[in-house]
Structure formats: C-alpha cells, structure tokens
Amino acid sequence: MFSRDIPHEVLNYRLDVGAISYVPQEPQLQATEIRKDELTLVVPPKHLLAKKREVDIEDLVKEDFIAHSVESPFRRRVIELFARHRTNLNMPIEMPTIDSIKRFVQMGMGVAIVPRMCVQWEIEHGWMKEVKIRQMNMPRHVYLVSRRGARLPHAAAEFMRILREPQPSLCRVLGQFPVSRFTR
C-alpha cells in the first residue's frame, strides 16, 4: 500500500495501525515515532565502491541506480541533491518495492539509495555493502499511526510491543506480520 493512503485506511477502520515516514495532518490520528533512520547507499559486495567507506556524490556519476518507482518526498530529495551537485543520476531500473530493489542490488544490477533499516540485515550478513555519501544527510523518522483514543486489538498491540524492543529491523518485523492480521 502506498504510504500516502495509510492514514485514510486507519481513519476508515480498514487498518488499526500503519507505519509511515511522516506525521499525518488529520487531527483524529496520533503519530508515535518508533524509529529514527536514514537513507543510505548500498552496493553489491564485489562492486568497486564496496571497498570504500565514503564517497563524494560526483563519484556516482556513472553508476546505475535501482530506484523506487513510487513517488515520495525522499525520492525527490535524492534527485534534487544530485541536481544541486550537477551529478547525473542514472536510474535505468525502477522497482515497486524495497525488497525487489535489494534483490537487484544483490544480483549486481546496480546500486541503490534506500532506508538503512531495510538493508541493515543484509549489510550485517555481507550480502550488501553500505557506502556513505559525504554530501547526503537524509534522516528519516518512522511513525506508527493509529486513531486517537482507540483501543488496539491484541495483534496490533503485540506489533507495537515488538517495535519497542531494542533495534528490530522494521522491514523484517513487517514481513513477519501479514497485513490481514491488522485489518478488520
């Protein structure tokens, strides 16, 4: 589901909770920050850039980026960052999900800028390498949204408890809970 649709789905009782990277404007919703995150560059382990800890944005001019096909404020910010530095951002492949982007990077089809929490596990296991871009500082905050004053069903309350535990990967946690468990 698109992030922009989640507040509406929560308001209309189709979702009990939703995870998004912005605070919704609807006064009937409450947003609780559950994670601080950032965008990061990931490359395949055998990529030339994998040997570096940090690069300048200009070093990425010839790279093929696997991009997220969904329009978002963070996608726009990355595009604007490259434009400000007069660096070509070559995005020949656009994918609809972070999981598909990760698979393409792992197969050596290109590099990607993605939320760090979604690739932390792959980085820790050596399936991808993280490379810092000196000019990129894009913090993200992840919020859990729910209806203000609503009592959450057991499954949704358990989901929130898991998210409060130290350092779980939100992307991995979300993969463990089918959406149907949180819908009515």
N, C-alpha and C. Protein backbone atom coordinates (compact mmCIF):
# COMPACT_ATOMS: atom_id res chain seq x y z
N MET A 1 0.85 -1.17 0.00
CA MET A 1 0.00 0.00 0.00
C MET A 1 0.89 1.24 0.00
N PHE A 2 0.49 2.24 -0.71
CA PHE A 2 1.23 3.49 -0.73
C PHE A 2 1.13 4.16 0.64
N SER A 3 2.24 4.73 1.08
CA SER A 3 2.30 5.41 2.37
C SER A 3 1.25 6.51 2.47
N ARG A 4 1.00 7.21 1.38
CA ARG A 4 0.04 8.32 1.41
C ARG A 4 -1.39 7.84 1.70
N ASP A 5 -1.68 6.54 1.46
CA ASP A 5 -3.03 6.01 1.68
C ASP A 5 -3.24 5.47 3.09
N ILE A 6 -2.18 5.25 3.83
CA ILE A 6 -2.30 4.61 5.13
C ILE A 6 -3.13 5.42 6.13
N PRO A 7 -2.92 6.73 6.28
CA PRO A 7 -3.77 7.47 7.23
C PRO A 7 -5.26 7.33 6.93
N HIS A 8 -5.62 7.39 5.66
CA HIS A 8 -7.03 7.25 5.27
C HIS A 8 -7.56 5.87 5.65
N GLU A 9 -6.75 4.84 5.45
CA GLU A 9 -7.16 3.47 5.78
C GLU A 9 -7.33 3.30 7.29
N VAL A 10 -6.47 3.94 8.08
CA VAL A 10 -6.60 3.89 9.53
C VAL A 10 -7.87 4.63 9.97
N LEU A 11 -8.09 5.81 9.41
CA LEU A 11 -9.29 6.58 9.76
C LEU A 11 -10.58 5.84 9.43
N ASN A 12 -10.56 5.08 8.37
CA ASN A 12 -11.76 4.36 7.92
C ASN A 12 -11.84 2.94 8.46
N TYR A 13 -11.07 2.64 9.50
CA TYR A 13 -11.12 1.36 10.21
C TYR A 13 -10.75 0.15 9.34
N ARG A 14 -10.03 0.38 8.25
CA ARG A 14 -9.54 -0.75 7.45
C ARG A 14 -8.17 -1.21 7.95
N LEU A 15 -7.50 -0.33 8.70
CA LEU A 15 -6.25 -0.67 9.39
C LEU A 15 -6.35 -0.17 10.82
N ASP A 16 -5.78 -0.94 11.73
CA ASP A 16 -5.71 -0.48 13.12
C ASP A 16 -4.52 0.44 13.34
N VAL A 17 -3.39 0.10 12.71
CA VAL A 17 -2.17 0.90 12.80
C VAL A 17 -1.51 0.91 11.43
N GLY A 18 -0.67 1.89 11.22
CA GLY A 18 0.11 1.96 9.99
C GLY A 18 1.46 2.57 10.27
N ALA A 19 2.47 2.19 9.51
CA ALA A 19 3.81 2.75 9.65
C ALA A 19 4.09 3.64 8.44
N ILE A 20 4.44 4.90 8.72
CA ILE A 20 4.73 5.86 7.66
C ILE A 20 5.91 6.73 8.07
N SER A 21 6.47 7.46 7.11
CA SER A 21 7.66 8.27 7.40
C SER A 21 7.34 9.77 7.48
N TYR A 22 6.12 10.10 7.84
CA TYR A 22 5.73 11.50 8.02
C TYR A 22 4.60 11.56 9.05
N VAL A 23 4.38 12.72 9.62
CA VAL A 23 3.29 12.91 10.57
C VAL A 23 2.05 13.32 9.77
N PRO A 24 0.98 12.53 9.85
CA PRO A 24 -0.22 12.88 9.08
C PRO A 24 -0.90 14.13 9.64
N GLN A 25 -1.61 14.83 8.79
CA GLN A 25 -2.25 16.09 9.17
C GLN A 25 -3.62 15.91 9.84
N GLU A 26 -4.21 14.74 9.72
CA GLU A 26 -5.56 14.51 10.25
C GLU A 26 -5.55 14.57 11.78
N PRO A 27 -6.37 15.44 12.38
CA PRO A 27 -6.36 15.57 13.85
C PRO A 27 -6.88 14.33 14.58
N GLN A 28 -7.63 13.46 13.90
CA GLN A 28 -8.16 12.25 14.53
C GLN A 28 -7.11 11.16 14.67
N LEU A 29 -5.93 11.41 14.10
CA LEU A 29 -4.86 10.40 14.16
C LEU A 29 -3.77 10.84 15.13
N GLN A 30 -3.16 9.86 15.75
CA GLN A 30 -1.97 10.13 16.56
C GLN A 30 -0.80 9.42 15.92
N ALA A 31 0.35 10.06 15.97
CA ALA A 31 1.57 9.50 15.40
C ALA A 31 2.60 9.36 16.51
N THR A 32 3.16 8.17 16.61
CA THR A 32 4.18 7.89 17.61
C THR A 32 5.46 7.52 16.88
N GLU A 33 6.52 8.27 17.13
CA GLU A 33 7.79 7.94 16.48
C GLU A 33 8.31 6.62 17.04
N ILE A 34 8.60 5.68 16.13
CA ILE A 34 9.10 4.38 16.58
C ILE A 34 10.54 4.13 16.14
N ARG A 35 11.01 4.88 15.17
CA ARG A 35 12.39 4.69 14.71
C ARG A 35 12.94 5.96 14.11
N LYS A 36 14.24 6.13 14.32
CA LYS A 36 14.99 7.15 13.58
C LYS A 36 15.81 6.35 12.58
N ASP A 37 15.85 6.81 11.37
CA ASP A 37 16.51 6.09 10.30
C ASP A 37 17.17 7.10 9.38
N GLU A 38 17.80 6.62 8.35
CA GLU A 38 18.39 7.50 7.34
C GLU A 38 18.46 6.75 6.02
N LEU A 39 18.58 7.52 4.95
CA LEU A 39 18.80 6.91 3.64
C LEU A 39 20.28 6.59 3.52
N THR A 40 20.57 5.49 2.84
CA THR A 40 21.96 5.08 2.67
C THR A 40 22.16 4.47 1.30
N LEU A 41 23.39 4.53 0.82
CA LEU A 41 23.76 3.91 -0.45
C LEU A 41 24.22 2.49 -0.17
N VAL A 42 23.68 1.53 -0.93
CA VAL A 42 24.13 0.14 -0.84
C VAL A 42 24.60 -0.32 -2.21
N VAL A 43 25.64 -1.16 -2.17
CA VAL A 43 26.24 -1.69 -3.39
C VAL A 43 26.45 -3.19 -3.19
N PRO A 44 26.58 -3.95 -4.30
CA PRO A 44 26.89 -5.39 -4.16
C PRO A 44 28.27 -5.56 -3.52
N PRO A 45 28.51 -6.66 -2.83
CA PRO A 45 29.78 -6.85 -2.11
C PRO A 45 31.02 -6.81 -3.00
N LYS A 46 30.90 -7.17 -4.27
CA LYS A 46 32.06 -7.20 -5.16
C LYS A 46 32.19 -5.93 -6.01
N HIS A 47 31.35 -4.96 -5.77
CA HIS A 47 31.38 -3.69 -6.50
C HIS A 47 32.64 -2.93 -6.12
N LEU A 48 33.18 -2.14 -7.06
CA LEU A 48 34.37 -1.34 -6.78
C LEU A 48 34.19 -0.41 -5.58
N LEU A 49 32.99 0.15 -5.43
CA LEU A 49 32.73 1.07 -4.32
C LEU A 49 32.64 0.35 -2.97
N ALA A 50 32.48 -0.97 -2.99
CA ALA A 50 32.33 -1.73 -1.74
C ALA A 50 33.58 -1.65 -0.87
N LYS A 51 34.70 -1.32 -1.47
CA LYS A 51 35.96 -1.22 -0.72
C LYS A 51 36.09 0.12 0.00
N LYS A 52 35.18 1.05 -0.30
CA LYS A 52 35.27 2.39 0.29
C LYS A 52 34.21 2.53 1.38
N ARG A 53 34.55 3.34 2.38
CA ARG A 53 33.59 3.64 3.44
C ARG A 53 32.73 4.83 3.05
N GLU A 54 33.31 5.74 2.27
CA GLU A 54 32.66 7.00 1.95
C GLU A 54 33.07 7.45 0.55
N VAL A 55 32.12 8.07 -0.16
CA VAL A 55 32.40 8.61 -1.49
C VAL A 55 31.78 9.99 -1.61
N ASP A 56 32.26 10.75 -2.58
CA ASP A 56 31.62 12.01 -2.94
C ASP A 56 30.52 11.71 -3.95
N ILE A 57 29.52 12.54 -3.97
CA ILE A 57 28.40 12.34 -4.88
C ILE A 57 28.87 12.28 -6.33
N GLU A 58 29.90 13.05 -6.66
CA GLU A 58 30.42 13.07 -8.02
C GLU A 58 30.99 11.70 -8.44
N ASP A 59 31.39 10.88 -7.46
CA ASP A 59 31.92 9.55 -7.75
C ASP A 59 30.84 8.59 -8.26
N LEU A 60 29.59 9.01 -8.20
CA LEU A 60 28.46 8.14 -8.55
C LEU A 60 27.90 8.42 -9.94
N VAL A 61 28.54 9.31 -10.68
CA VAL A 61 28.01 9.77 -11.96
C VAL A 61 27.80 8.63 -12.97
N LYS A 62 28.62 7.59 -12.93
CA LYS A 62 28.50 6.51 -13.91
C LYS A 62 27.75 5.29 -13.38
N GLU A 63 27.24 5.39 -12.17
CA GLU A 63 26.55 4.25 -11.56
C GLU A 63 25.11 4.14 -12.07
N ASP A 64 24.65 2.90 -12.20
CA ASP A 64 23.25 2.63 -12.50
C ASP A 64 22.53 2.44 -11.17
N PHE A 65 21.52 3.27 -10.93
CA PHE A 65 20.76 3.18 -9.69
C PHE A 65 19.49 2.38 -9.91
N ILE A 66 19.23 1.49 -8.97
CA ILE A 66 17.94 0.78 -8.92
C ILE A 66 17.07 1.67 -8.05
N ALA A 67 16.06 2.27 -8.64
CA ALA A 67 15.26 3.28 -7.94
C ALA A 67 13.90 2.73 -7.54
N HIS A 68 13.32 3.36 -6.56
CA HIS A 68 11.96 3.04 -6.14
C HIS A 68 11.01 3.77 -7.08
N SER A 69 10.07 3.06 -7.66
CA SER A 69 9.17 3.66 -8.64
C SER A 69 8.08 4.50 -8.01
N VAL A 70 7.94 4.42 -6.70
CA VAL A 70 6.90 5.16 -6.00
C VAL A 70 7.39 6.57 -5.70
N GLU A 71 6.61 7.55 -6.09
CA GLU A 71 6.94 8.95 -5.84
C GLU A 71 6.87 9.21 -4.34
N SER A 72 7.89 9.87 -3.79
CA SER A 72 7.91 10.18 -2.36
C SER A 72 8.76 11.43 -2.14
N PRO A 73 8.60 12.05 -0.97
CA PRO A 73 9.44 13.21 -0.67
C PRO A 73 10.93 12.85 -0.65
N PHE A 74 11.26 11.64 -0.20
CA PHE A 74 12.67 11.25 -0.13
C PHE A 74 13.24 11.01 -1.52
N ARG A 75 12.45 10.44 -2.41
CA ARG A 75 12.90 10.27 -3.80
C ARG A 75 13.21 11.64 -4.41
N ARG A 76 12.30 12.60 -4.20
CA ARG A 76 12.52 13.96 -4.72
C ARG A 76 13.77 14.58 -4.12
N ARG A 77 13.98 14.39 -2.82
CA ARG A 77 15.16 14.98 -2.16
C ARG A 77 16.45 14.40 -2.73
N VAL A 78 16.48 13.10 -3.03
CA VAL A 78 17.68 12.49 -3.61
C VAL A 78 17.92 13.06 -5.00
N ILE A 79 16.88 13.14 -5.81
CA ILE A 79 17.01 13.70 -7.16
C ILE A 79 17.51 15.14 -7.09
N GLU A 80 16.95 15.93 -6.17
CA GLU A 80 17.38 17.33 -6.01
C GLU A 80 18.83 17.42 -5.53
N LEU A 81 19.25 16.51 -4.65
CA LEU A 81 20.63 16.51 -4.16
C LEU A 81 21.60 16.29 -5.32
N PHE A 82 21.31 15.32 -6.17
CA PHE A 82 22.18 15.08 -7.31
C PHE A 82 22.18 16.27 -8.25
N ALA A 83 21.02 16.89 -8.47
CA ALA A 83 20.93 18.05 -9.36
C ALA A 83 21.75 19.22 -8.79
N ARG A 84 21.66 19.46 -7.48
CA ARG A 84 22.42 20.55 -6.84
C ARG A 84 23.92 20.37 -7.04
N HIS A 85 24.36 19.13 -7.08
CA HIS A 85 25.79 18.84 -7.24
C HIS A 85 26.16 18.58 -8.71
N ARG A 86 25.21 18.89 -9.60
CA ARG A 86 25.42 18.73 -11.04
C ARG A 86 25.98 17.34 -11.38
N THR A 87 25.36 16.34 -10.75
CA THR A 87 25.77 14.95 -10.95
C THR A 87 24.61 14.19 -11.55
N ASN A 88 24.87 13.52 -12.66
CA ASN A 88 23.84 12.72 -13.32
C ASN A 88 23.39 11.59 -12.40
N LEU A 89 22.09 11.41 -12.28
CA LEU A 89 21.51 10.31 -11.52
C LEU A 89 20.85 9.37 -12.51
N ASN A 90 21.59 8.32 -12.87
CA ASN A 90 21.14 7.37 -13.88
C ASN A 90 20.27 6.30 -13.22
N MET A 91 18.96 6.31 -13.51
CA MET A 91 18.02 5.36 -12.90
C MET A 91 17.35 4.51 -13.99
N PRO A 92 18.10 3.57 -14.61
CA PRO A 92 17.52 2.79 -15.70
C PRO A 92 16.49 1.75 -15.24
N ILE A 93 16.52 1.40 -13.96
CA ILE A 93 15.59 0.39 -13.44
C ILE A 93 14.84 0.99 -12.26
N GLU A 94 13.52 0.91 -12.31
CA GLU A 94 12.69 1.36 -11.20
C GLU A 94 11.83 0.19 -10.76
N MET A 95 11.82 -0.06 -9.47
CA MET A 95 11.12 -1.20 -8.90
C MET A 95 10.04 -0.73 -7.93
N PRO A 96 8.96 -1.52 -7.77
CA PRO A 96 7.86 -1.08 -6.90
C PRO A 96 8.07 -1.33 -5.41
N THR A 97 9.04 -2.17 -5.04
CA THR A 97 9.22 -2.48 -3.61
C THR A 97 10.70 -2.41 -3.23
N ILE A 98 10.94 -2.19 -1.94
CA ILE A 98 12.30 -2.18 -1.42
C ILE A 98 12.91 -3.58 -1.57
N ASP A 99 12.11 -4.61 -1.34
CA ASP A 99 12.63 -5.98 -1.49
C ASP A 99 13.14 -6.25 -2.90
N SER A 100 12.42 -5.79 -3.90
CA SER A 100 12.88 -6.01 -5.28
C SER A 100 14.14 -5.19 -5.56
N ILE A 101 14.22 -4.00 -5.01
CA ILE A 101 15.44 -3.19 -5.16
C ILE A 101 16.62 -3.92 -4.54
N LYS A 102 16.44 -4.45 -3.34
CA LYS A 102 17.52 -5.18 -2.66
C LYS A 102 17.99 -6.37 -3.49
N ARG A 103 17.07 -7.11 -4.05
CA ARG A 103 17.43 -8.30 -4.85
C ARG A 103 18.25 -7.88 -6.08
N PHE A 104 17.84 -6.81 -6.73
CA PHE A 104 18.57 -6.35 -7.91
C PHE A 104 19.98 -5.90 -7.54
N VAL A 105 20.12 -5.22 -6.41
CA VAL A 105 21.46 -4.81 -5.96
C VAL A 105 22.29 -6.06 -5.67
N GLN A 106 21.73 -7.01 -4.97
CA GLN A 106 22.46 -8.24 -4.63
C GLN A 106 22.88 -9.00 -5.89
N MET A 107 22.10 -8.91 -6.95
CA MET A 107 22.44 -9.58 -8.21
C MET A 107 23.46 -8.80 -9.03
N GLY A 108 23.85 -7.62 -8.55
CA GLY A 108 24.85 -6.83 -9.26
C GLY A 108 24.29 -6.00 -10.40
N MET A 109 23.00 -5.73 -10.37
CA MET A 109 22.35 -4.97 -11.45
C MET A 109 22.52 -3.46 -11.29
N GLY A 110 23.02 -3.02 -10.13
CA GLY A 110 23.20 -1.61 -9.89
C GLY A 110 23.35 -1.34 -8.41
N VAL A 111 23.27 -0.06 -8.04
CA VAL A 111 23.37 0.38 -6.65
C VAL A 111 22.04 1.05 -6.29
N ALA A 112 21.83 1.31 -5.01
CA ALA A 112 20.56 1.91 -4.60
C ALA A 112 20.73 2.78 -3.37
N ILE A 113 19.86 3.76 -3.25
CA ILE A 113 19.74 4.56 -2.04
C ILE A 113 18.40 4.18 -1.42
N VAL A 114 18.47 3.60 -0.22
CA VAL A 114 17.29 3.04 0.44
C VAL A 114 17.32 3.37 1.93
N PRO A 115 16.19 3.18 2.62
CA PRO A 115 16.22 3.36 4.07
C PRO A 115 17.17 2.33 4.70
N ARG A 116 18.03 2.79 5.57
CA ARG A 116 19.02 1.91 6.17
C ARG A 116 18.38 0.75 6.92
N MET A 117 17.29 1.00 7.62
CA MET A 117 16.67 -0.07 8.40
C MET A 117 16.20 -1.23 7.53
N CYS A 118 15.98 -0.98 6.26
CA CYS A 118 15.51 -2.03 5.36
C CYS A 118 16.64 -2.89 4.80
N VAL A 119 17.88 -2.44 4.98
CA VAL A 119 19.02 -3.22 4.47
C VAL A 119 20.02 -3.58 5.57
N GLN A 120 19.71 -3.23 6.78
CA GLN A 120 20.62 -3.47 7.91
C GLN A 120 21.00 -4.95 8.01
N TRP A 121 20.04 -5.83 7.89
CA TRP A 121 20.28 -7.27 8.00
C TRP A 121 21.20 -7.76 6.88
N GLU A 122 20.95 -7.31 5.66
CA GLU A 122 21.79 -7.72 4.52
C GLU A 122 23.21 -7.19 4.66
N ILE A 123 23.34 -5.98 5.19
CA ILE A 123 24.67 -5.40 5.41
C ILE A 123 25.41 -6.22 6.47
N GLU A 124 24.72 -6.53 7.57
CA GLU A 124 25.34 -7.31 8.64
C GLU A 124 25.77 -8.70 8.18
N HIS A 125 25.07 -9.27 7.21
CA HIS A 125 25.39 -10.61 6.71
C HIS A 125 26.32 -10.58 5.50
N GLY A 126 26.74 -9.39 5.08
CA GLY A 126 27.69 -9.27 3.98
C GLY A 126 27.10 -9.43 2.59
N TRP A 127 25.79 -9.37 2.49
CA TRP A 127 25.14 -9.53 1.18
C TRP A 127 25.10 -8.22 0.41
N MET A 128 25.34 -7.13 1.12
CA MET A 128 25.45 -5.79 0.54
C MET A 128 26.47 -5.03 1.37
N LYS A 129 27.01 -3.99 0.76
CA LYS A 129 27.92 -3.10 1.47
C LYS A 129 27.29 -1.72 1.51
N GLU A 130 27.43 -1.06 2.64
CA GLU A 130 26.95 0.30 2.80
C GLU A 130 28.11 1.25 2.55
N VAL A 131 27.84 2.28 1.75
CA VAL A 131 28.85 3.29 1.45
C VAL A 131 28.21 4.65 1.73
N LYS A 132 28.85 5.43 2.57
CA LYS A 132 28.33 6.77 2.90
C LYS A 132 28.60 7.73 1.75
N ILE A 133 27.64 8.58 1.48
CA ILE A 133 27.82 9.66 0.51
C ILE A 133 28.05 10.92 1.35
N ARG A 134 29.21 11.53 1.21
CA ARG A 134 29.58 12.68 2.06
C ARG A 134 28.53 13.79 2.04
N GLN A 135 27.97 14.06 0.90
CA GLN A 135 27.04 15.19 0.77
C GLN A 135 25.59 14.82 1.13
N MET A 136 25.35 13.57 1.47
CA MET A 136 23.96 13.15 1.74
C MET A 136 23.74 12.98 3.24
N ASN A 137 22.81 13.76 3.76
CA ASN A 137 22.38 13.63 5.14
C ASN A 137 20.86 13.67 5.10
N MET A 138 20.24 12.50 5.05
CA MET A 138 18.79 12.43 4.93
C MET A 138 18.19 11.57 6.02
N PRO A 139 18.01 12.18 7.19
CA PRO A 139 17.37 11.42 8.27
C PRO A 139 15.90 11.16 7.94
N ARG A 140 15.42 10.04 8.42
CA ARG A 140 14.01 9.67 8.27
C ARG A 140 13.50 9.29 9.65
N HIS A 141 12.26 9.61 9.90
CA HIS A 141 11.62 9.19 11.14
C HIS A 141 10.44 8.32 10.74
N VAL A 142 10.29 7.21 11.41
CA VAL A 142 9.18 6.31 11.12
C VAL A 142 8.17 6.45 12.25
N TYR A 143 6.92 6.66 11.87
CA TYR A 143 5.85 6.87 12.83
C TYR A 143 4.82 5.76 12.70
N LEU A 144 4.32 5.33 13.83
CA LEU A 144 3.19 4.42 13.86
C LEU A 144 1.96 5.28 14.06
N VAL A 145 0.99 5.18 13.17
CA VAL A 145 -0.22 6.00 13.27
C VAL A 145 -1.40 5.12 13.64
N SER A 146 -2.26 5.67 14.46
CA SER A 146 -3.48 4.99 14.87
C SER A 146 -4.54 6.04 15.14
N ARG A 147 -5.78 5.57 15.32
CA ARG A 147 -6.85 6.51 15.63
C ARG A 147 -6.66 7.01 17.06
N ARG A 148 -6.79 8.29 17.25
CA ARG A 148 -6.61 8.90 18.57
C ARG A 148 -7.63 8.32 19.55
N GLY A 149 -7.15 7.82 20.68
CA GLY A 149 -8.03 7.29 21.72
C GLY A 149 -8.54 5.88 21.49
N ALA A 150 -8.18 5.24 20.39
CA ALA A 150 -8.68 3.90 20.10
C ALA A 150 -7.92 2.85 20.91
N ARG A 151 -8.63 1.82 21.32
CA ARG A 151 -8.01 0.68 21.99
C ARG A 151 -7.62 -0.31 20.89
N LEU A 152 -6.35 -0.68 20.86
CA LEU A 152 -5.85 -1.55 19.79
C LEU A 152 -6.18 -3.01 20.05
N PRO A 153 -6.50 -3.76 19.00
CA PRO A 153 -6.67 -5.21 19.15
C PRO A 153 -5.35 -5.85 19.60
N HIS A 154 -5.45 -7.05 20.13
CA HIS A 154 -4.28 -7.74 20.68
C HIS A 154 -3.12 -7.82 19.67
N ALA A 155 -3.39 -8.21 18.44
CA ALA A 155 -2.32 -8.36 17.44
C ALA A 155 -1.61 -7.03 17.19
N ALA A 156 -2.36 -5.96 17.08
CA ALA A 156 -1.75 -4.65 16.84
C ALA A 156 -0.95 -4.19 18.06
N ALA A 157 -1.47 -4.46 19.26
CA ALA A 157 -0.74 -4.10 20.47
C ALA A 157 0.56 -4.90 20.57
N GLU A 158 0.54 -6.17 20.20
CA GLU A 158 1.74 -7.01 20.20
C GLU A 158 2.75 -6.49 19.17
N PHE A 159 2.26 -6.08 18.03
CA PHE A 159 3.11 -5.50 17.00
C PHE A 159 3.83 -4.27 17.55
N MET A 160 3.12 -3.41 18.23
CA MET A 160 3.74 -2.22 18.82
C MET A 160 4.76 -2.60 19.88
N ARG A 161 4.48 -3.64 20.67
CA ARG A 161 5.43 -4.08 21.69
C ARG A 161 6.73 -4.54 21.04
N ILE A 162 6.63 -5.29 19.94
CA ILE A 162 7.81 -5.78 19.23
C ILE A 162 8.63 -4.60 18.70
N LEU A 163 7.95 -3.59 18.19
CA LEU A 163 8.65 -2.43 17.65
C LEU A 163 9.38 -1.64 18.72
N ARG A 164 8.95 -1.73 19.95
CA ARG A 164 9.61 -1.01 21.05
C ARG A 164 10.85 -1.74 21.55
N GLU A 165 11.03 -3.02 21.16
CA GLU A 165 12.21 -3.77 21.58
C GLU A 165 13.44 -3.16 20.94
N PRO A 166 14.61 -3.35 21.54
CA PRO A 166 15.84 -2.74 21.01
C PRO A 166 16.16 -3.21 19.59
N GLN A 167 16.29 -2.25 18.69
CA GLN A 167 16.82 -2.41 17.34
C GLN A 167 16.22 -3.49 16.45
N PRO A 168 14.93 -3.78 16.47
CA PRO A 168 14.46 -4.71 15.45
C PRO A 168 14.44 -4.00 14.11
N SER A 169 14.64 -4.74 13.05
CA SER A 169 14.53 -4.16 11.72
C SER A 169 13.05 -4.06 11.39
N LEU A 170 12.55 -2.85 11.21
CA LEU A 170 11.13 -2.66 10.93
C LEU A 170 10.72 -3.42 9.68
N CYS A 171 11.56 -3.42 8.66
CA CYS A 171 11.21 -4.12 7.42
C CYS A 171 11.08 -5.62 7.67
N ARG A 172 11.94 -6.20 8.52
CA ARG A 172 11.84 -7.63 8.83
C ARG A 172 10.62 -7.89 9.69
N VAL A 173 10.33 -7.01 10.65
CA VAL A 173 9.17 -7.20 11.51
C VAL A 173 7.90 -7.15 10.67
N LEU A 174 7.81 -6.18 9.77
CA LEU A 174 6.62 -6.07 8.92
C LEU A 174 6.43 -7.32 8.08
N GLY A 175 7.52 -7.92 7.65
CA GLY A 175 7.44 -9.14 6.86
C GLY A 175 6.93 -10.33 7.65
N GLN A 176 7.05 -10.29 8.98
CA GLN A 176 6.59 -11.39 9.82
C GLN A 176 5.11 -11.31 10.14
N PHE A 177 4.50 -10.15 9.88
CA PHE A 177 3.08 -9.96 10.22
C PHE A 177 2.29 -9.71 8.94
N PRO A 178 1.53 -10.70 8.50
CA PRO A 178 0.68 -10.45 7.32
C PRO A 178 -0.26 -9.28 7.58
N VAL A 179 -0.49 -8.47 6.58
CA VAL A 179 -1.35 -7.29 6.73
C VAL A 179 -2.73 -7.70 7.22
N SER A 180 -3.22 -8.86 6.82
CA SER A 180 -4.56 -9.27 7.21
C SER A 180 -4.72 -9.38 8.73
N ARG A 181 -3.62 -9.57 9.45
CA ARG A 181 -3.70 -9.65 10.91
C ARG A 181 -4.02 -8.30 11.51
N PHE A 182 -3.84 -7.23 10.76
CA PHE A 182 -4.06 -5.90 11.30
C PHE A 182 -5.23 -5.19 10.65
N THR A 183 -5.97 -5.90 9.87
CA THR A 183 -7.15 -5.29 9.24
C THR A 183 -8.40 -5.92 9.84
N ARG A 184 -9.49 -5.25 9.66
CA ARG A 184 -10.75 -5.80 10.19
C ARG A 184 -11.52 -6.48 9.09
